[in-house]
Amino acid sequence: MEIPPSGKALLGYGENLNKAQWLCEGTVISERFILTAARCTTAGTLGTVTYASLGVRSNDRHKNTHIYKIKRVFNHPKYNEPSWYHDIALLQTEQEYGLLFYFVWLLSTLLQ
């Protein structure tokens, strides 16, 4: 499956999906990976990024999209907070996005 070029992802933090805080963004680059800033991989007391909501356009619309749990975080090995040098990371989801993500994205584009 080809991922749409506007594959935006909102990144959620917290253990409980219903109380997750959506504080950062990333870009879908394949069926299982999201590119983001390394500074987005943790959020203070909320901990490590936990969820990705795909195909969103703004923070208030993420509930109409499909949400994936983050399996692994790969920060650039030379990233050293608070410096913004090497501020890049990959997030791997537990599941592939599959056709559902594409159809949600396509439908939201058509209804715009």
C-alpha atoms as a PDB file:
ATOM      1  CA  MET A   1       0.000   0.000   0.000  1.00  0.00           C
ATOM      2  CA  GLU A   2       1.215   3.486  -0.812  1.00  0.00           C
ATOM      3  CA  ILE A   3       0.993   5.992   2.044  1.00  0.00           C
ATOM      4  CA  PRO A   4      -0.593   9.334   1.081  1.00  0.00           C
ATOM      5  CA  PRO A   5       1.961  12.171   0.873  1.00  0.00           C
ATOM      6  CA  SER A   6       0.078  14.220   3.470  1.00  0.00           C
ATOM      7  CA  GLY A   7       0.269  11.448   6.057  1.00  0.00           C
ATOM      8  CA  LYS A   8       0.340  13.570   9.193  1.00  0.00           C
ATOM      9  CA  ALA A   9       0.457  11.870  12.582  1.00  0.00           C
ATOM     10  CA  LEU A  10      -0.420  13.372  15.950  1.00  0.00           C
ATOM     11  CA  LEU A  11       1.619  11.905  18.788  1.00  0.00           C
ATOM     12  CA  GLY A  12      -0.082  11.015  22.062  1.00  0.00           C
ATOM     13  CA  TYR A  13       1.409  10.634  25.528  1.00  0.00           C
ATOM     14  CA  GLY A  14       0.097   8.838  28.609  1.00  0.00           C
ATOM     15  CA  GLU A  15      -0.866   5.299  29.563  1.00  0.00           C
ATOM     16  CA  ASN A  16      -4.612   5.729  29.047  1.00  0.00           C
ATOM     17  CA  LEU A  17      -5.827   6.425  25.511  1.00  0.00           C
ATOM     18  CA  ASN A  18      -8.916   8.283  26.791  1.00  0.00           C
ATOM     19  CA  LYS A  19      -6.704  10.683  28.742  1.00  0.00           C
ATOM     20  CA  ALA A  20      -3.819  10.872  26.259  1.00  0.00           C
ATOM     21  CA  GLN A  21      -2.370  14.289  25.544  1.00  0.00           C
ATOM     22  CA  TRP A  22      -1.627  15.024  21.887  1.00  0.00           C
ATOM     23  CA  LEU A  23       1.407  17.285  21.986  1.00  0.00           C
ATOM     24  CA  CYS A  24       3.591  16.694  18.942  1.00  0.00           C
ATOM     25  CA  GLU A  25       3.425  15.696  15.280  1.00  0.00           C
ATOM     26  CA  GLY A  26       5.215  13.438  12.851  1.00  0.00           C
ATOM     27  CA  THR A  27       5.035  12.316   9.235  1.00  0.00           C
ATOM     28  CA  VAL A  28       4.099   8.820   8.068  1.00  0.00           C
ATOM     29  CA  ILE A  29       6.959   7.539   5.910  1.00  0.00           C
ATOM     30  CA  SER A  30       6.030   3.855   5.497  1.00  0.00           C
ATOM     31  CA  GLU A  31       3.442   1.292   6.569  1.00  0.00           C
ATOM     32  CA  ARG A  32       4.958   1.087  10.035  1.00  0.00           C
ATOM     33  CA  PHE A  33       7.198   4.105  10.646  1.00  0.00           C
ATOM     34  CA  ILE A  34       6.700   7.757  11.551  1.00  0.00           C
ATOM     35  CA  LEU A  35       9.417  10.400  11.264  1.00  0.00           C
ATOM     36  CA  THR A  36       9.453  13.016  14.026  1.00  0.00           C
ATOM     37  CA  ALA A  37      11.755  15.208  16.083  1.00  0.00           C
ATOM     38  CA  ALA A  38      13.715  13.430  18.826  1.00  0.00           C
ATOM     39  CA  ARG A  39      12.438  16.056  21.283  1.00  0.00           C
ATOM     40  CA  CYS A  40       8.934  14.645  20.596  1.00  0.00           C
ATOM     41  CA  THR A  41       9.764  11.167  21.877  1.00  0.00           C
ATOM     42  CA  THR A  42       9.237  12.131  25.527  1.00  0.00           C
ATOM     43  CA  ALA A  43       6.966  14.656  27.254  1.00  0.00           C
ATOM     44  CA  GLY A  44       8.073  15.273  30.847  1.00  0.00           C
ATOM     45  CA  THR A  45       5.938  13.473  33.415  1.00  0.00           C
ATOM     46  CA  LEU A  46       3.781  11.925  30.664  1.00  0.00           C
ATOM     47  CA  GLY A  47       6.756   9.807  29.602  1.00  0.00           C
ATOM     48  CA  THR A  48       7.561   8.324  26.218  1.00  0.00           C
ATOM     49  CA  VAL A  49       5.284   8.766  23.219  1.00  0.00           C
ATOM     50  CA  THR A  50       2.619   6.058  23.368  1.00  0.00           C
ATOM     51  CA  TYR A  51       0.166   6.602  20.474  1.00  0.00           C
ATOM     52  CA  ALA A  52      -0.009   7.883  16.915  1.00  0.00           C
ATOM     53  CA  SER A  53      -3.245   9.168  15.402  1.00  0.00           C
ATOM     54  CA  LEU A  54      -2.947   9.017  11.613  1.00  0.00           C
ATOM     55  CA  GLY A  55      -4.492  11.068   8.854  1.00  0.00           C
ATOM     56  CA  VAL A  56      -5.324  14.107  10.984  1.00  0.00           C
ATOM     57  CA  ARG A  57      -5.448  17.771  10.010  1.00  0.00           C
ATOM     58  CA  SER A  58      -5.732  19.379  13.455  1.00  0.00           C
ATOM     59  CA  ASN A  59      -5.645  18.451  17.152  1.00  0.00           C
ATOM     60  CA  ASP A  60      -9.418  18.530  17.543  1.00  0.00           C
ATOM     61  CA  ARG A  61     -10.094  15.973  14.793  1.00  0.00           C
ATOM     62  CA  HIS A  62      -7.879  13.069  15.876  1.00  0.00           C
ATOM     63  CA  LYS A  63     -10.811  11.152  17.339  1.00  0.00           C
ATOM     64  CA  ASN A  64     -12.120  10.370  13.842  1.00  0.00           C
ATOM     65  CA  THR A  65      -8.922   8.642  12.768  1.00  0.00           C
ATOM     66  CA  HIS A  66      -7.246   5.345  13.491  1.00  0.00           C
ATOM     67  CA  ILE A  67      -4.906   5.257  16.473  1.00  0.00           C
ATOM     68  CA  TYR A  68      -1.843   3.018  16.663  1.00  0.00           C
ATOM     69  CA  LYS A  69       0.276   2.097  19.661  1.00  0.00           C
ATOM     70  CA  ILE A  70       3.983   2.914  19.423  1.00  0.00           C
ATOM     71  CA  LYS A  71       6.177  -0.180  19.743  1.00  0.00           C
ATOM     72  CA  ARG A  72       9.720   1.273  19.538  1.00  0.00           C
ATOM     73  CA  VAL A  73      11.421   4.650  19.473  1.00  0.00           C
ATOM     74  CA  PHE A  74      14.680   5.188  17.574  1.00  0.00           C
ATOM     75  CA  ASN A  75      16.340   8.507  18.448  1.00  0.00           C
ATOM     76  CA  HIS A  76      19.347   9.656  16.427  1.00  0.00           C
ATOM     77  CA  PRO A  77      22.350   8.285  18.351  1.00  0.00           C
ATOM     78  CA  LYS A  78      23.958  11.758  18.570  1.00  0.00           C
ATOM     79  CA  TYR A  79      20.839  13.544  19.819  1.00  0.00           C
ATOM     80  CA  ASN A  80      21.503  15.159  23.175  1.00  0.00           C
ATOM     81  CA  GLU A  81      18.669  17.106  24.787  1.00  0.00           C
ATOM     82  CA  PRO A  82      18.264  20.130  25.024  1.00  0.00           C
ATOM     83  CA  SER A  83      20.363  20.664  21.889  1.00  0.00           C
ATOM     84  CA  TRP A  84      18.448  20.554  18.623  1.00  0.00           C
ATOM     85  CA  TYR A  85      21.364  19.039  16.726  1.00  0.00           C
ATOM     86  CA  HIS A  86      20.505  15.587  15.374  1.00  0.00           C
ATOM     87  CA  ASP A  87      16.912  16.186  16.511  1.00  0.00           C
ATOM     88  CA  ILE A  88      15.334  13.353  14.544  1.00  0.00           C
ATOM     89  CA  ALA A  89      13.668  10.059  15.458  1.00  0.00           C
ATOM     90  CA  LEU A  90      11.717   7.152  14.013  1.00  0.00           C
ATOM     91  CA  LEU A  91       8.671   5.673  15.711  1.00  0.00           C
ATOM     92  CA  GLN A  92       7.650   2.101  14.926  1.00  0.00           C
ATOM     93  CA  THR A  93       4.009   1.158  15.423  1.00  0.00           C
ATOM     94  CA  GLU A  94       2.877  -2.232  16.728  1.00  0.00           C
ATOM     95  CA  GLN A  95       0.796  -2.853  13.581  1.00  0.00           C
ATOM     96  CA  GLU A  96       1.031  -1.883   9.949  1.00  0.00           C
ATOM     97  CA  TYR A  97      -1.418   0.825   8.941  1.00  0.00           C
ATOM     98  CA  GLY A  98      -2.962  -1.258   6.170  1.00  0.00           C
ATOM     99  CA  LEU A  99      -5.728  -0.127   3.873  1.00  0.00           C
ATOM    100  CA  LEU A 100      -7.854   1.320   6.681  1.00  0.00           C
ATOM    101  CA  PHE A 101      -5.510   4.288   7.057  1.00  0.00           C
ATOM    102  CA  TYR A 102      -5.608   4.969   3.326  1.00  0.00           C
ATOM    103  CA  PHE A 103      -9.412   4.863   3.164  1.00  0.00           C
ATOM    104  CA  VAL A 104      -9.773   7.143   6.218  1.00  0.00           C
ATOM    105  CA  TRP A 105      -7.361   9.601   4.612  1.00  0.00           C
ATOM    106  CA  LEU A 106      -9.093   9.408   1.232  1.00  0.00           C
ATOM    107  CA  LEU A 107     -12.554   9.871   2.740  1.00  0.00           C
ATOM    108  CA  SER A 108     -11.455  12.854   4.847  1.00  0.00           C
ATOM    109  CA  THR A 109      -9.893  14.437   1.753  1.00  0.00           C
ATOM    110  CA  LEU A 110     -13.050  13.984  -0.314  1.00  0.00           C
ATOM    111  CA  LEU A 111     -15.290  15.395   2.446  1.00  0.00           C
ATOM    112  CA  GLN A 112     -13.135  18.468   2.920  1.00  0.00           C
END
